[in-house]
């Protein structure tokens, strides 16, 4: 009797393996052969699902983004509305050292997106979703009367997203300057640029 294969689960497994290979050896190391070797199966298994490396890496990027947003949404549901929820979102996007998916993976995917149209589309989709999340949280501040007077939601969104990215990169390259407590304090101050009272750090 032929073995029944859960194709959706197999594609997710391949995406996870791809991220692991990128994290350990960079995107150039993420070949069909190396990913298959890590998973303990033949290259033919990968080529059954993906026609080439670009398609495979784009899918892995999408899988990683979906997993990140699922985790973020669970976190936001548990956070109190207003400034605390906004701060929780920013802290999630600037994780503490030792997070399961390292900065090298994200930076590598960002860099490759500059030259790869397929990855560029995935990158744009990711940032549209992230900006929409921040925009919604800033809008919540306005609705609750917690935003600073005259705040422009669109401008505040762009500044928050850009600042969080900057801290993410700075902390990755100089972790000794940005302890977990320091990053949280800076993100709290960042929320304070748009909210009346960001609230205590928990």
N, C-alpha and C. Protein backbone atom coordinates (compact mmCIF):
# COMPACT_ATOMS: atom_id res chain seq x y z
N UNK A 1 0.85 -1.20 0.00
CA UNK A 1 0.00 0.00 0.00
C UNK A 1 0.89 1.25 0.00
N UNK A 2 0.69 2.19 -0.93
CA UNK A 2 1.56 3.37 -0.98
C UNK A 2 1.41 4.24 0.26
N UNK A 3 2.52 4.84 0.64
CA UNK A 3 2.52 5.71 1.82
C UNK A 3 1.76 6.99 1.52
N UNK A 4 0.88 7.38 2.44
CA UNK A 4 0.11 8.61 2.28
C UNK A 4 0.95 9.78 2.81
N UNK A 5 1.15 10.77 1.96
CA UNK A 5 1.98 11.92 2.33
C UNK A 5 1.10 13.15 2.52
N UNK A 6 1.27 13.81 3.66
CA UNK A 6 0.58 15.08 3.91
C UNK A 6 1.41 16.16 3.21
N UNK A 7 0.97 16.58 2.04
CA UNK A 7 1.78 17.49 1.22
C UNK A 7 1.94 18.87 1.86
N UNK A 8 0.89 19.36 2.52
CA UNK A 8 1.00 20.67 3.18
C UNK A 8 2.05 20.61 4.29
N UNK A 9 2.01 19.53 5.06
CA UNK A 9 2.99 19.39 6.14
C UNK A 9 4.40 19.21 5.58
N UNK A 10 4.52 18.48 4.47
CA UNK A 10 5.84 18.29 3.88
C UNK A 10 6.41 19.61 3.39
N UNK A 11 5.58 20.46 2.79
CA UNK A 11 6.05 21.77 2.33
C UNK A 11 6.49 22.63 3.51
N UNK A 12 5.76 22.56 4.62
CA UNK A 12 6.15 23.31 5.81
C UNK A 12 7.48 22.78 6.37
N UNK A 13 7.64 21.47 6.34
CA UNK A 13 8.89 20.88 6.81
C UNK A 13 10.07 21.36 5.97
N UNK A 14 9.86 21.41 4.66
CA UNK A 14 10.91 21.89 3.77
C UNK A 14 11.22 23.36 4.04
N UNK A 15 10.20 24.17 4.29
CA UNK A 15 10.41 25.58 4.62
C UNK A 15 11.22 25.72 5.90
N UNK A 16 10.88 24.94 6.90
CA UNK A 16 11.61 24.99 8.17
C UNK A 16 13.07 24.60 7.97
N UNK A 17 13.31 23.56 7.19
CA UNK A 17 14.68 23.13 6.91
C UNK A 17 15.45 24.21 6.15
N UNK A 18 14.77 24.87 5.22
CA UNK A 18 15.41 25.94 4.45
C UNK A 18 15.85 27.07 5.36
N UNK A 19 14.99 27.47 6.29
CA UNK A 19 15.34 28.53 7.24
C UNK A 19 16.53 28.11 8.11
N UNK A 20 16.54 26.85 8.53
CA UNK A 20 17.65 26.35 9.34
C UNK A 20 18.97 26.42 8.58
N UNK A 21 18.95 26.04 7.30
CA UNK A 21 20.16 26.08 6.50
C UNK A 21 20.64 27.51 6.30
N UNK A 22 19.70 28.44 6.03
CA UNK A 22 20.06 29.84 5.87
C UNK A 22 20.66 30.39 7.17
N UNK A 23 20.05 30.01 8.29
CA UNK A 23 20.53 30.50 9.58
C UNK A 23 21.93 30.02 9.88
N UNK A 24 22.26 28.81 9.50
CA UNK A 24 23.56 28.25 9.83
C UNK A 24 24.64 28.56 8.79
N UNK A 25 24.24 28.71 7.51
CA UNK A 25 25.26 28.88 6.48
C UNK A 25 25.03 29.99 5.49
N UNK A 26 23.95 30.74 5.64
CA UNK A 26 23.65 31.80 4.69
C UNK A 26 22.83 31.31 3.52
N UNK A 27 22.30 32.25 2.75
CA UNK A 27 21.38 31.90 1.69
C UNK A 27 22.05 31.13 0.55
N UNK A 28 23.33 31.35 0.34
CA UNK A 28 24.03 30.62 -0.72
C UNK A 28 24.18 29.14 -0.39
N UNK A 29 24.15 28.84 0.90
CA UNK A 29 24.25 27.45 1.33
C UNK A 29 22.93 26.70 1.18
N UNK A 30 21.86 27.45 0.97
CA UNK A 30 20.52 26.84 0.89
C UNK A 30 20.27 26.30 -0.51
N UNK A 31 20.96 25.24 -0.87
CA UNK A 31 20.76 24.58 -2.15
C UNK A 31 19.75 23.45 -1.99
N UNK A 32 19.21 23.01 -3.10
CA UNK A 32 18.28 21.89 -3.06
C UNK A 32 18.93 20.69 -2.39
N UNK A 33 20.18 20.44 -2.75
CA UNK A 33 20.89 19.27 -2.21
C UNK A 33 21.12 19.39 -0.70
N UNK A 34 21.57 20.57 -0.24
CA UNK A 34 21.88 20.72 1.19
C UNK A 34 20.62 20.65 2.04
N UNK A 35 19.53 21.20 1.55
CA UNK A 35 18.27 21.16 2.31
C UNK A 35 17.75 19.73 2.36
N UNK A 36 17.82 19.01 1.23
CA UNK A 36 17.39 17.62 1.21
C UNK A 36 18.25 16.78 2.16
N UNK A 37 19.55 17.04 2.17
CA UNK A 37 20.45 16.29 3.05
C UNK A 37 20.08 16.51 4.52
N UNK A 38 19.80 17.77 4.86
CA UNK A 38 19.44 18.07 6.26
C UNK A 38 18.14 17.36 6.65
N UNK A 39 17.22 17.24 5.70
CA UNK A 39 15.96 16.58 6.00
C UNK A 39 15.99 15.07 5.89
N UNK A 40 17.09 14.54 5.37
CA UNK A 40 17.21 13.10 5.26
C UNK A 40 16.41 12.49 4.12
N UNK A 41 16.19 13.27 3.06
CA UNK A 41 15.49 12.71 1.91
C UNK A 41 16.18 13.14 0.62
N UNK A 42 15.70 12.64 -0.50
CA UNK A 42 16.37 12.90 -1.78
C UNK A 42 16.03 14.28 -2.31
N UNK A 43 16.87 14.76 -3.22
CA UNK A 43 16.61 16.05 -3.86
C UNK A 43 15.31 16.02 -4.63
N UNK A 44 14.93 14.84 -5.11
CA UNK A 44 13.68 14.71 -5.86
C UNK A 44 12.46 15.08 -5.06
N UNK A 45 12.53 14.92 -3.74
CA UNK A 45 11.39 15.31 -2.88
C UNK A 45 11.17 16.81 -2.98
N UNK A 46 12.26 17.59 -2.96
CA UNK A 46 12.13 19.05 -3.05
C UNK A 46 11.67 19.48 -4.43
N UNK A 47 12.24 18.89 -5.45
CA UNK A 47 11.88 19.31 -6.81
C UNK A 47 10.46 18.89 -7.17
N UNK A 48 9.90 17.99 -6.40
CA UNK A 48 8.50 17.63 -6.59
C UNK A 48 7.59 18.80 -6.21
N UNK A 49 8.03 19.60 -5.23
CA UNK A 49 7.22 20.71 -4.71
C UNK A 49 7.66 22.07 -5.24
N UNK A 50 8.95 22.22 -5.57
CA UNK A 50 9.48 23.52 -5.98
C UNK A 50 10.32 23.35 -7.24
N UNK A 51 10.08 24.22 -8.22
CA UNK A 51 10.77 24.08 -9.49
C UNK A 51 12.21 24.57 -9.45
N UNK A 52 12.52 25.50 -8.52
CA UNK A 52 13.89 26.00 -8.43
C UNK A 52 14.14 26.60 -7.03
N UNK A 53 15.37 27.01 -6.82
CA UNK A 53 15.77 27.53 -5.51
C UNK A 53 15.03 28.82 -5.16
N UNK A 54 14.83 29.71 -6.13
CA UNK A 54 14.13 30.97 -5.86
C UNK A 54 12.72 30.71 -5.34
N UNK A 55 12.03 29.79 -5.97
CA UNK A 55 10.67 29.47 -5.53
C UNK A 55 10.68 28.89 -4.13
N UNK A 56 11.65 28.05 -3.85
CA UNK A 56 11.77 27.44 -2.53
C UNK A 56 12.03 28.48 -1.45
N UNK A 57 12.97 29.39 -1.69
CA UNK A 57 13.31 30.39 -0.69
C UNK A 57 12.16 31.38 -0.50
N UNK A 58 11.47 31.73 -1.58
CA UNK A 58 10.31 32.62 -1.46
C UNK A 58 9.24 31.97 -0.59
N UNK A 59 9.02 30.68 -0.79
CA UNK A 59 8.03 29.98 0.03
C UNK A 59 8.47 29.95 1.49
N UNK A 60 9.77 29.72 1.73
CA UNK A 60 10.28 29.69 3.10
C UNK A 60 10.10 31.06 3.77
N UNK A 61 10.34 32.14 3.02
CA UNK A 61 10.13 33.50 3.52
C UNK A 61 8.66 33.69 3.90
N UNK A 62 7.76 33.26 3.03
CA UNK A 62 6.33 33.40 3.30
C UNK A 62 5.93 32.58 4.52
N UNK A 63 6.46 31.37 4.63
CA UNK A 63 6.17 30.51 5.78
C UNK A 63 6.64 31.16 7.08
N UNK A 64 7.86 31.70 7.05
CA UNK A 64 8.41 32.36 8.23
C UNK A 64 7.58 33.57 8.62
N UNK A 65 7.15 34.34 7.63
CA UNK A 65 6.32 35.52 7.90
C UNK A 65 4.98 35.11 8.50
N UNK A 66 4.35 34.07 7.94
CA UNK A 66 3.06 33.61 8.46
C UNK A 66 3.19 33.15 9.91
N UNK A 67 4.26 32.43 10.19
CA UNK A 67 4.47 31.96 11.56
C UNK A 67 4.69 33.13 12.50
N UNK A 68 5.45 34.12 12.05
CA UNK A 68 5.72 35.31 12.88
C UNK A 68 4.44 36.07 13.18
N UNK A 69 3.60 36.27 12.16
CA UNK A 69 2.36 37.02 12.39
C UNK A 69 1.37 36.24 13.24
N UNK A 70 1.37 34.92 13.13
CA UNK A 70 0.50 34.12 13.99
C UNK A 70 0.92 34.29 15.45
N UNK A 71 2.23 34.24 15.71
CA UNK A 71 2.73 34.45 17.08
C UNK A 71 2.42 35.87 17.55
N UNK A 72 2.59 36.85 16.68
CA UNK A 72 2.31 38.24 17.04
C UNK A 72 0.83 38.43 17.39
N UNK A 73 -0.04 37.86 16.60
CA UNK A 73 -1.48 38.02 16.86
C UNK A 73 -1.87 37.41 18.19
N UNK A 74 -1.29 36.27 18.54
CA UNK A 74 -1.59 35.67 19.84
C UNK A 74 -1.11 36.58 20.97
N UNK A 75 0.05 37.17 20.79
CA UNK A 75 0.58 38.08 21.80
C UNK A 75 -0.31 39.30 21.97
N UNK A 76 -0.76 39.88 20.87
CA UNK A 76 -1.56 41.10 20.93
C UNK A 76 -2.92 40.85 21.56
N UNK A 77 -3.48 39.68 21.35
CA UNK A 77 -4.76 39.36 21.97
C UNK A 77 -4.66 39.34 23.50
N UNK A 78 -3.48 38.97 23.99
CA UNK A 78 -3.29 38.88 25.44
C UNK A 78 -2.88 40.22 26.06
N UNK A 79 -2.48 41.18 25.24
CA UNK A 79 -2.00 42.47 25.76
C UNK A 79 -3.17 43.43 25.97
N UNK A 80 -3.02 44.29 26.96
CA UNK A 80 -4.04 45.31 27.21
C UNK A 80 -4.07 46.29 26.03
N UNK A 81 -5.25 46.80 25.67
CA UNK A 81 -5.35 47.73 24.54
C UNK A 81 -4.64 49.05 24.82
N UNK A 82 -4.28 49.71 23.74
CA UNK A 82 -3.64 51.01 23.87
C UNK A 82 -2.13 50.91 23.78
N UNK A 83 -1.45 51.72 24.59
CA UNK A 83 0.01 51.82 24.51
C UNK A 83 0.69 50.50 24.81
N UNK A 84 0.15 49.72 25.75
CA UNK A 84 0.78 48.45 26.09
C UNK A 84 0.76 47.49 24.90
N UNK A 85 -0.34 47.48 24.17
CA UNK A 85 -0.44 46.59 23.01
C UNK A 85 0.52 47.02 21.90
N UNK A 86 0.65 48.32 21.70
CA UNK A 86 1.59 48.82 20.70
C UNK A 86 3.01 48.47 21.09
N UNK A 87 3.34 48.66 22.36
CA UNK A 87 4.69 48.34 22.82
C UNK A 87 4.97 46.84 22.67
N UNK A 88 3.97 46.01 22.96
CA UNK A 88 4.15 44.57 22.83
C UNK A 88 4.46 44.19 21.39
N UNK A 89 3.81 44.84 20.44
CA UNK A 89 4.05 44.55 19.02
C UNK A 89 5.48 44.93 18.64
N UNK A 90 5.94 46.09 19.08
CA UNK A 90 7.29 46.53 18.74
C UNK A 90 8.34 45.64 19.41
N UNK A 91 8.09 45.24 20.65
CA UNK A 91 9.03 44.35 21.33
C UNK A 91 9.11 43.00 20.62
N UNK A 92 8.00 42.54 20.09
CA UNK A 92 8.00 41.28 19.36
C UNK A 92 8.88 41.38 18.12
N UNK A 93 8.84 42.53 17.46
CA UNK A 93 9.62 42.71 16.24
C UNK A 93 11.08 43.06 16.50
N UNK A 94 11.42 43.36 17.74
CA UNK A 94 12.82 43.58 18.13
C UNK A 94 13.10 42.60 19.27
N UNK A 95 13.23 41.31 18.95
CA UNK A 95 13.29 40.27 19.98
C UNK A 95 14.58 40.31 20.78
N UNK A 96 14.52 39.68 21.95
CA UNK A 96 15.71 39.58 22.79
C UNK A 96 16.73 38.65 22.13
N UNK A 97 17.97 38.77 22.59
CA UNK A 97 19.04 37.92 22.04
C UNK A 97 18.70 36.45 22.27
N UNK A 98 19.06 35.63 21.29
CA UNK A 98 18.82 34.20 21.42
C UNK A 98 17.47 33.77 20.91
N UNK A 99 16.74 34.66 20.24
CA UNK A 99 15.45 34.28 19.68
C UNK A 99 15.65 33.14 18.68
N UNK A 100 14.62 32.28 18.55
CA UNK A 100 14.77 31.06 17.77
C UNK A 100 15.18 31.31 16.32
N UNK A 101 14.67 32.37 15.71
CA UNK A 101 15.07 32.70 14.34
C UNK A 101 15.96 33.92 14.39
N UNK A 102 17.24 33.74 14.04
CA UNK A 102 18.21 34.79 14.20
C UNK A 102 18.06 35.91 13.20
N UNK A 103 18.72 37.03 13.55
CA UNK A 103 18.69 38.20 12.68
C UNK A 103 19.32 37.90 11.33
N UNK A 104 20.28 36.97 11.30
CA UNK A 104 20.95 36.65 10.04
C UNK A 104 19.96 36.19 8.98
N UNK A 105 18.94 35.46 9.39
CA UNK A 105 17.95 34.98 8.42
C UNK A 105 17.20 36.15 7.81
N UNK A 106 16.70 37.04 8.67
CA UNK A 106 15.92 38.17 8.17
C UNK A 106 16.78 39.11 7.33
N UNK A 107 17.99 39.42 7.80
CA UNK A 107 18.86 40.33 7.05
C UNK A 107 19.22 39.74 5.70
N UNK A 108 19.50 38.44 5.68
CA UNK A 108 19.82 37.77 4.43
C UNK A 108 18.66 37.84 3.45
N UNK A 109 17.46 37.60 3.93
CA UNK A 109 16.28 37.66 3.06
C UNK A 109 16.02 39.07 2.59
N UNK A 110 16.21 40.06 3.48
CA UNK A 110 16.04 41.46 3.07
C UNK A 110 17.03 41.81 1.97
N UNK A 111 18.30 41.46 2.19
CA UNK A 111 19.33 41.80 1.22
C UNK A 111 19.06 41.16 -0.14
N UNK A 112 18.68 39.90 -0.14
CA UNK A 112 18.42 39.20 -1.40
C UNK A 112 17.19 39.77 -2.10
N UNK A 113 16.26 40.32 -1.33
CA UNK A 113 15.05 40.91 -1.91
C UNK A 113 15.36 42.11 -2.80
N UNK A 114 16.50 42.76 -2.56
CA UNK A 114 16.88 43.91 -3.38
C UNK A 114 17.18 43.51 -4.81
N UNK A 115 17.55 42.24 -5.02
CA UNK A 115 17.98 41.79 -6.34
C UNK A 115 17.13 40.66 -6.92
N UNK A 116 16.17 40.20 -6.14
CA UNK A 116 15.35 39.07 -6.57
C UNK A 116 13.88 39.48 -6.59
N UNK A 117 13.27 39.60 -7.77
CA UNK A 117 11.88 40.07 -7.85
C UNK A 117 10.89 39.21 -7.07
N UNK A 118 11.10 37.90 -7.07
CA UNK A 118 10.18 37.03 -6.34
C UNK A 118 10.24 37.31 -4.84
N UNK A 119 11.46 37.41 -4.31
CA UNK A 119 11.61 37.73 -2.90
C UNK A 119 11.17 39.16 -2.60
N UNK A 120 11.35 40.06 -3.54
CA UNK A 120 10.91 41.44 -3.35
C UNK A 120 9.41 41.50 -3.14
N UNK A 121 8.68 40.67 -3.87
CA UNK A 121 7.22 40.64 -3.70
C UNK A 121 6.84 40.12 -2.32
N UNK A 122 7.54 39.09 -1.87
CA UNK A 122 7.28 38.56 -0.53
C UNK A 122 7.61 39.60 0.54
N UNK A 123 8.72 40.30 0.34
CA UNK A 123 9.13 41.34 1.28
C UNK A 123 8.09 42.45 1.35
N UNK A 124 7.59 42.88 0.19
CA UNK A 124 6.58 43.94 0.15
C UNK A 124 5.30 43.49 0.85
N UNK A 125 4.91 42.26 0.62
CA UNK A 125 3.70 41.74 1.26
C UNK A 125 3.86 41.70 2.78
N UNK A 126 5.05 41.29 3.21
CA UNK A 126 5.33 41.23 4.64
C UNK A 126 5.21 42.61 5.27
N UNK A 127 5.82 43.62 4.64
CA UNK A 127 5.80 44.95 5.22
C UNK A 127 4.44 45.63 5.10
N UNK A 128 3.69 45.32 4.09
CA UNK A 128 2.31 45.85 4.04
C UNK A 128 1.52 45.35 5.24
N UNK A 129 1.71 44.09 5.55
CA UNK A 129 0.99 43.49 6.68
C UNK A 129 1.46 44.07 8.02
N UNK A 130 2.77 44.25 8.17
CA UNK A 130 3.32 44.79 9.41
C UNK A 130 2.90 46.25 9.60
N UNK A 131 2.97 47.04 8.53
CA UNK A 131 2.54 48.44 8.63
C UNK A 131 1.05 48.53 8.95
N UNK A 132 0.26 47.63 8.37
CA UNK A 132 -1.18 47.64 8.65
C UNK A 132 -1.44 47.34 10.12
N UNK A 133 -0.65 46.44 10.68
CA UNK A 133 -0.79 46.11 12.10
C UNK A 133 -0.47 47.32 12.96
N UNK A 134 0.65 47.98 12.68
CA UNK A 134 1.04 49.16 13.47
C UNK A 134 0.03 50.28 13.28
N UNK A 135 -0.43 50.46 12.05
CA UNK A 135 -1.43 51.50 11.78
C UNK A 135 -2.70 51.26 12.60
N UNK A 136 -3.10 50.01 12.68
CA UNK A 136 -4.29 49.67 13.46
C UNK A 136 -4.09 49.98 14.95
N UNK A 137 -2.89 49.67 15.45
CA UNK A 137 -2.61 49.91 16.86
C UNK A 137 -2.50 51.40 17.17
N UNK A 138 -1.93 52.16 16.25
CA UNK A 138 -1.87 53.62 16.44
C UNK A 138 -3.28 54.20 16.37
N UNK A 139 -4.09 53.68 15.44
CA UNK A 139 -5.48 54.13 15.36
C UNK A 139 -6.24 53.84 16.65
N UNK A 140 -5.90 52.73 17.27
CA UNK A 140 -6.52 52.39 18.56
C UNK A 140 -6.16 53.42 19.62
N UNK A 141 -4.91 53.89 19.60
CA UNK A 141 -4.52 54.95 20.53
C UNK A 141 -5.38 56.19 20.34
N UNK A 142 -5.59 56.57 19.08
CA UNK A 142 -6.38 57.75 18.77
C UNK A 142 -7.81 57.57 19.27
N UNK A 143 -8.39 56.42 19.00
CA UNK A 143 -9.78 56.15 19.40
C UNK A 143 -9.93 56.18 20.92
N UNK A 144 -8.91 55.75 21.63
CA UNK A 144 -8.97 55.70 23.09
C UNK A 144 -8.57 57.04 23.73
N UNK A 145 -8.21 58.01 22.90
CA UNK A 145 -7.80 59.30 23.43
C UNK A 145 -6.43 59.28 24.07
N UNK A 146 -5.59 58.30 23.70
CA UNK A 146 -4.27 58.17 24.30
C UNK A 146 -3.15 58.72 23.40
N UNK A 147 -3.50 59.10 22.17
CA UNK A 147 -2.49 59.61 21.25
C UNK A 147 -2.15 61.06 21.58
N UNK A 148 -0.94 61.45 21.22
CA UNK A 148 -0.55 62.84 21.40
C UNK A 148 -1.39 63.73 20.49
N UNK A 149 -1.66 64.96 20.90
CA UNK A 149 -2.48 65.86 20.09
C UNK A 149 -1.89 66.06 18.69
N UNK A 150 -2.75 66.05 17.70
CA UNK A 150 -2.33 66.30 16.33
C UNK A 150 -1.59 65.16 15.66
N UNK A 151 -1.58 63.98 16.29
CA UNK A 151 -0.85 62.85 15.72
C UNK A 151 -1.43 62.44 14.37
N UNK A 152 -0.58 62.27 13.38
CA UNK A 152 -0.98 61.76 12.08
C UNK A 152 -0.68 60.27 12.03
N UNK A 153 -1.71 59.46 11.90
CA UNK A 153 -1.56 58.01 12.00
C UNK A 153 -0.59 57.47 10.95
N UNK A 154 -0.70 57.93 9.72
CA UNK A 154 0.16 57.41 8.65
C UNK A 154 1.63 57.72 8.93
N UNK A 155 1.92 58.95 9.34
CA UNK A 155 3.31 59.34 9.62
C UNK A 155 3.84 58.59 10.84
N UNK A 156 3.02 58.48 11.87
CA UNK A 156 3.43 57.76 13.08
C UNK A 156 3.74 56.30 12.76
N UNK A 157 2.95 55.71 11.90
CA UNK A 157 3.17 54.31 11.51
C UNK A 157 4.52 54.14 10.85
N UNK A 158 4.84 54.99 9.89
CA UNK A 158 6.11 54.87 9.18
C UNK A 158 7.29 55.08 10.13
N UNK A 159 7.18 56.05 11.03
CA UNK A 159 8.27 56.32 11.97
C UNK A 159 8.48 55.16 12.94
N UNK A 160 7.40 54.57 13.44
CA UNK A 160 7.51 53.45 14.38
C UNK A 160 8.12 52.23 13.71
N UNK A 161 7.66 51.92 12.51
CA UNK A 161 8.19 50.75 11.79
C UNK A 161 9.67 50.95 11.48
N UNK A 162 10.02 52.13 11.00
CA UNK A 162 11.41 52.40 10.64
C UNK A 162 12.32 52.38 11.87
N UNK A 163 11.86 52.96 12.97
CA UNK A 163 12.67 52.98 14.18
C UNK A 163 12.86 51.58 14.74
N UNK A 164 11.83 50.77 14.71
CA UNK A 164 11.94 49.39 15.19
C UNK A 164 12.94 48.61 14.34
N UNK A 165 12.89 48.81 13.03
CA UNK A 165 13.86 48.16 12.14
C UNK A 165 15.28 48.58 12.49
N UNK A 166 15.46 49.88 12.72
CA UNK A 166 16.79 50.39 13.04
C UNK A 166 17.34 49.78 14.32
N UNK A 167 16.49 49.66 15.34
CA UNK A 167 16.93 49.07 16.59
C UNK A 167 17.23 47.58 16.42
N UNK A 168 16.42 46.92 15.61
CA UNK A 168 16.63 45.50 15.31
C UNK A 168 18.03 45.28 14.73
N UNK A 169 18.40 46.10 13.75
CA UNK A 169 19.70 45.97 13.11
C UNK A 169 20.83 46.37 14.07
N UNK A 170 20.66 47.49 14.77
CA UNK A 170 21.70 47.96 15.68
C UNK A 170 21.98 46.93 16.78
N UNK A 171 20.93 46.37 17.35
CA UNK A 171 21.10 45.39 18.42
C UNK A 171 21.73 44.10 17.91
N UNK A 172 21.48 43.78 16.64
CA UNK A 172 22.06 42.56 16.07
C UNK A 172 23.57 42.70 15.89
N UNK A 173 24.01 43.87 15.46
CA UNK A 173 25.43 44.06 15.19
C UNK A 173 26.23 44.49 16.41
N UNK A 174 25.56 45.10 17.40
CA UNK A 174 26.24 45.51 18.62
C UNK A 174 25.42 45.08 19.85
N UNK A 175 25.27 43.79 20.04
CA UNK A 175 24.41 43.30 21.14
C UNK A 175 24.88 43.76 22.51
N UNK A 176 26.20 44.00 22.67
CA UNK A 176 26.70 44.44 23.97
C UNK A 176 26.17 45.81 24.36
N UNK A 177 25.74 46.59 23.39
CA UNK A 177 25.21 47.92 23.68
C UNK A 177 23.70 47.90 23.93
N UNK A 178 23.04 46.79 23.59
CA UNK A 178 21.59 46.75 23.65
C UNK A 178 21.11 45.50 24.39
N UNK A 179 21.19 45.54 25.70
CA UNK A 179 20.66 44.44 26.50
C UNK A 179 19.15 44.38 26.31
N UNK A 180 18.56 43.29 26.76
CA UNK A 180 17.10 43.16 26.65
C UNK A 180 16.40 44.31 27.37
N UNK A 181 16.89 44.64 28.56
CA UNK A 181 16.28 45.75 29.32
C UNK A 181 16.44 47.07 28.58
N UNK A 182 17.61 47.27 27.95
CA UNK A 182 17.85 48.51 27.22
C UNK A 182 16.93 48.61 26.01
N UNK A 183 16.77 47.51 25.29
CA UNK A 183 15.88 47.53 24.13
C UNK A 183 14.44 47.84 24.56
N UNK A 184 14.00 47.24 25.66
CA UNK A 184 12.63 47.49 26.14
C UNK A 184 12.46 48.95 26.53
N UNK A 185 13.48 49.52 27.18
CA UNK A 185 13.39 50.92 27.58
C UNK A 185 13.32 51.84 26.36
N UNK A 186 14.11 51.52 25.34
CA UNK A 186 14.10 52.34 24.13
C UNK A 186 12.76 52.22 23.40
N UNK A 187 12.21 51.04 23.36
CA UNK A 187 10.92 50.86 22.70
C UNK A 187 9.80 51.54 23.48
N UNK A 188 9.91 51.53 24.79
CA UNK A 188 8.94 52.25 25.61
C UNK A 188 9.02 53.74 25.30
N UNK A 189 10.25 54.26 25.17
CA UNK A 189 10.42 55.67 24.82
C UNK A 189 9.86 55.95 23.42
N UNK A 190 10.03 55.00 22.52
CA UNK A 190 9.50 55.16 21.17
C UNK A 190 7.98 55.26 21.19
N UNK A 191 7.33 54.40 21.97
CA UNK A 191 5.88 54.49 22.10
C UNK A 191 5.49 55.83 22.69
N UNK A 192 6.33 56.35 23.58
CA UNK A 192 6.06 57.65 24.19
C UNK A 192 6.07 58.80 23.21
N UNK A 193 6.60 58.60 22.00
CA UNK A 193 6.58 59.66 21.00
C UNK A 193 5.22 59.77 20.32
N UNK A 194 4.35 58.79 20.54
CA UNK A 194 3.02 58.84 19.91
C UNK A 194 1.89 58.75 20.93
N UNK A 195 2.19 58.27 22.14
CA UNK A 195 1.15 58.06 23.16
C UNK A 195 1.36 58.98 24.36
N UNK A 196 0.27 59.32 24.99
CA UNK A 196 0.34 60.19 26.18
C UNK A 196 1.05 59.51 27.34
N UNK A 197 0.71 58.25 27.59
CA UNK A 197 1.26 57.54 28.73
C UNK A 197 1.47 56.08 28.35
N UNK A 198 2.71 55.71 27.97
CA UNK A 198 2.95 54.34 27.54
C UNK A 198 2.71 53.29 28.62
N UNK A 199 2.72 53.70 29.86
CA UNK A 199 2.46 52.74 30.93
C UNK A 199 3.74 52.07 31.39
N UNK A 200 3.67 51.36 32.53
CA UNK A 200 4.86 50.75 33.12
C UNK A 200 5.33 49.54 32.31
N UNK A 201 6.63 49.25 32.40
CA UNK A 201 7.18 48.04 31.80
C UNK A 201 6.84 46.87 32.69
N UNK A 202 6.38 45.79 32.09
CA UNK A 202 6.04 44.60 32.86
C UNK A 202 7.02 43.47 32.57
